[in-house]
Protein backbone atom coordinates (compact mmCIF):
# COMPACT_ATOMS: atom_id res chain seq x y z
CA MET A 1 88.71 110.48 137.93
CA ARG A 2 85.54 111.10 136.00
CA LYS A 3 83.69 108.35 134.21
CA PRO A 4 83.83 108.70 130.38
CA SER A 5 80.58 109.89 128.84
CA LEU A 6 78.89 108.29 125.83
CA PRO A 7 80.15 111.06 123.48
CA ASP A 8 83.70 110.52 124.81
CA LEU A 9 83.45 106.79 124.15
CA ALA A 10 82.01 107.36 120.67
CA LEU A 11 84.84 109.75 119.77
CA THR A 12 87.46 107.33 121.10
CA SER A 13 85.89 104.46 119.12
CA PHE A 14 85.85 106.59 115.96
CA ILE A 15 89.53 107.55 116.38
CA LEU A 16 90.57 103.92 116.97
CA ALA A 17 88.55 102.71 113.97
CA ALA A 18 90.03 105.41 111.73
CA ALA A 19 93.54 104.49 112.84
CA ALA A 20 92.91 100.86 111.88
CA ILE A 21 92.16 101.81 108.25
CA PRO A 22 95.40 101.41 106.33
CA SER A 23 96.84 104.48 104.68
CA PHE A 24 97.51 103.07 101.22
CA SER A 25 98.62 106.47 99.92
CA ALA A 26 101.69 106.25 102.17
CA ALA A 27 102.34 102.54 101.76
CA GLN A 28 103.56 102.07 98.18
CA SER A 29 107.22 101.45 97.50
CA VAL A 30 109.58 101.76 94.52
CA THR A 31 112.88 99.93 95.05
CA ASP A 32 115.79 98.61 93.02
CA CYS A 33 115.15 95.16 91.61
CA ASP A 34 115.91 92.23 93.91
CA GLN A 35 115.32 88.47 93.87
CA ARG A 36 111.62 89.01 93.04
CA ALA A 37 112.56 90.34 89.56
CA ARG A 38 113.25 86.92 88.07
CA PRO A 39 112.13 86.00 84.55
CA ASP A 40 110.19 83.00 85.90
CA ALA A 41 108.12 85.39 88.05
CA ILE A 42 106.63 87.14 85.00
CA VAL A 43 102.99 86.09 84.84
CA GLU A 44 102.23 83.83 81.87
CA PRO A 45 101.52 84.48 79.09
CA TRP A 46 104.29 87.06 78.86
CA SER A 47 102.66 88.73 75.86
CA ALA A 48 99.58 89.57 77.97
CA ASN A 49 101.47 90.60 81.13
CA SER A 50 104.28 92.69 79.70
CA ARG A 51 104.04 95.95 77.73
CA SER A 52 106.52 98.36 76.24
CA PHE A 53 106.20 102.11 75.83
CA SER A 54 108.23 104.95 74.31
CA ASN A 55 109.41 102.91 71.32
CA GLY A 56 110.61 100.12 73.61
CA ALA A 57 112.62 102.33 75.98
CA VAL A 58 110.25 101.48 78.87
CA ARG A 59 108.98 97.98 79.64
CA VAL A 60 106.67 96.95 82.48
CA ALA A 61 105.73 93.43 83.52
CA LEU A 62 103.48 91.87 86.13
CA LEU A 63 105.38 89.62 88.54
CA ASP A 64 103.95 86.85 90.72
CA SER A 65 106.31 85.65 93.46
CA ILE A 66 103.62 83.16 94.60
CA GLU A 67 104.24 83.81 98.31
CA PRO A 68 103.00 85.43 100.35
CA ALA A 69 99.64 84.85 98.68
CA SER A 70 98.27 88.03 100.26
CA GLY A 71 100.95 90.11 98.54
CA ALA A 72 102.52 88.12 95.71
CA PHE A 73 102.17 90.64 92.86
CA ASP A 74 104.70 93.37 92.02
CA LEU A 75 105.21 95.55 88.98
CA LEU A 76 108.60 95.40 87.23
CA VAL A 77 109.72 98.63 85.51
CA LEU A 78 112.70 98.77 83.12
CA SER A 79 113.37 102.36 81.99
CA PRO A 80 116.03 104.94 81.14
CA PRO A 81 118.51 106.11 82.10
CA ARG A 82 120.85 103.44 80.83
CA ASP A 83 124.11 102.60 82.56
CA GLN A 84 127.57 102.52 80.93
CA MET A 85 126.83 99.05 79.53
CA GLY A 86 123.52 100.17 78.02
CA ALA A 87 121.24 98.41 80.52
CA ARG A 88 118.09 100.18 81.68
CA GLN A 89 117.45 100.80 85.36
CA CYS A 90 115.31 98.12 87.00
CA ARG A 91 112.68 99.05 89.61
CA LEU A 92 110.04 97.09 91.53
CA VAL A 93 106.76 98.67 92.55
CA SER A 94 105.25 96.95 95.59
CA LEU A 95 102.96 97.81 98.46
CA ASP A 96 105.65 98.31 101.11
CA GLY A 97 108.98 97.04 99.79
CA ALA A 98 108.58 93.51 101.11
CA LEU A 99 104.88 92.83 100.56
CA GLY A 100 103.45 93.11 97.06
CA PHE A 101 99.82 93.52 96.07
CA ALA A 102 97.14 90.87 96.52
CA ALA A 103 96.11 91.45 92.87
CA LEU A 104 96.81 93.83 89.97
CA ASP A 105 94.63 94.04 86.85
CA PHE A 106 97.41 94.33 84.24
CA ALA A 107 95.00 93.80 81.33
CA ALA A 108 93.03 96.93 82.31
CA MET A 109 96.16 99.11 82.74
CA ARG A 110 95.82 102.58 81.24
CA ALA A 111 98.74 104.75 80.15
CA SER A 112 99.05 108.48 79.58
CA TYR A 113 101.96 110.79 78.86
CA ASN A 114 102.65 114.31 80.08
CA PRO A 115 105.98 115.82 78.89
CA ALA A 116 106.46 117.60 82.23
CA ARG A 117 105.85 114.50 84.39
CA GLY A 118 106.50 111.49 82.18
CA LEU A 119 104.62 108.28 81.48
CA THR A 120 101.86 107.45 83.98
CA LEU A 121 100.39 103.97 84.30
CA ARG A 122 97.14 103.36 86.16
CA LEU A 123 96.02 99.96 87.42
CA THR A 124 93.37 98.67 89.76
CA GLY A 125 94.00 95.86 92.18
CA LYS A 126 93.78 94.72 95.76
CA ALA A 127 96.03 95.27 98.76
CA PHE A 128 96.20 93.30 101.98
CA SER A 129 96.23 95.17 105.28
CA PRO A 130 98.21 93.19 107.88
CA ALA A 131 96.80 95.46 110.60
CA ASP A 132 93.28 94.10 110.24
CA GLY A 133 93.71 91.09 107.92
CA VAL A 134 91.45 92.53 105.19
CA THR A 135 92.11 92.82 101.44
CA ARG A 136 90.74 96.04 99.94
CA PRO A 137 90.38 97.35 96.36
CA ILE A 138 93.00 99.93 95.40
CA ARG A 139 94.11 102.12 92.51
CA LEU A 140 97.83 102.19 91.69
CA SER A 141 99.42 105.03 89.76
CA VAL A 142 103.05 104.71 88.60
CA THR A 143 104.88 107.62 86.98
CA ILE A 144 108.09 107.02 85.02
CA ASN A 145 110.16 110.08 84.11
CA GLN A 146 112.72 109.03 81.51
CA ALA A 147 114.52 112.38 81.64
CA THR A 148 115.29 112.18 85.37
CA GLY A 149 115.08 108.40 85.87
CA LYS A 150 112.60 108.87 88.71
CA VAL A 151 109.94 106.18 89.14
CA SER A 152 107.24 107.03 91.68
CA ALA A 153 104.07 105.29 92.77
CA LYS A 154 100.91 106.19 94.62
CA VAL A 155 98.29 103.82 95.99
CA ARG A 156 94.81 104.97 96.88
CA PRO A 157 91.72 103.14 98.03
CA ALA A 158 89.46 102.42 95.03
CA GLY A 159 86.79 105.04 94.54
CA LYS A 160 88.95 107.98 95.65
């Protein structure tokens, strides 16, 4: 067996370091509402951490489940379609379905509308990486299509 050369070791170190960087673009999750979507989890004051769009058909709110502190923040989305009783669908946007975000800047949220895609919300925040124990800045993009009912999210490292 040959002894690894310095270039071999450098390449191996680079590959291992790259693998340790979390892939935020694949980590976001949109799920049906669960126990995290409680009214007492809406960050106070409600008027500053809840917004409506499309003449009130869509409402989003910042939730704080308190624990785990490294991922306590989720985004609540109420949007069409409505069920037989008239209730909107309820979705939670989190980092991975169980872990939320370490922070979301709801006050700086930006919204845009494209008739072909729907309403898109953009927020900055922070996400915790359990793999290396580091919290990193991120950009979250949530698209809500009222026509189809689809709610999708994408997380990217900040600056990309």
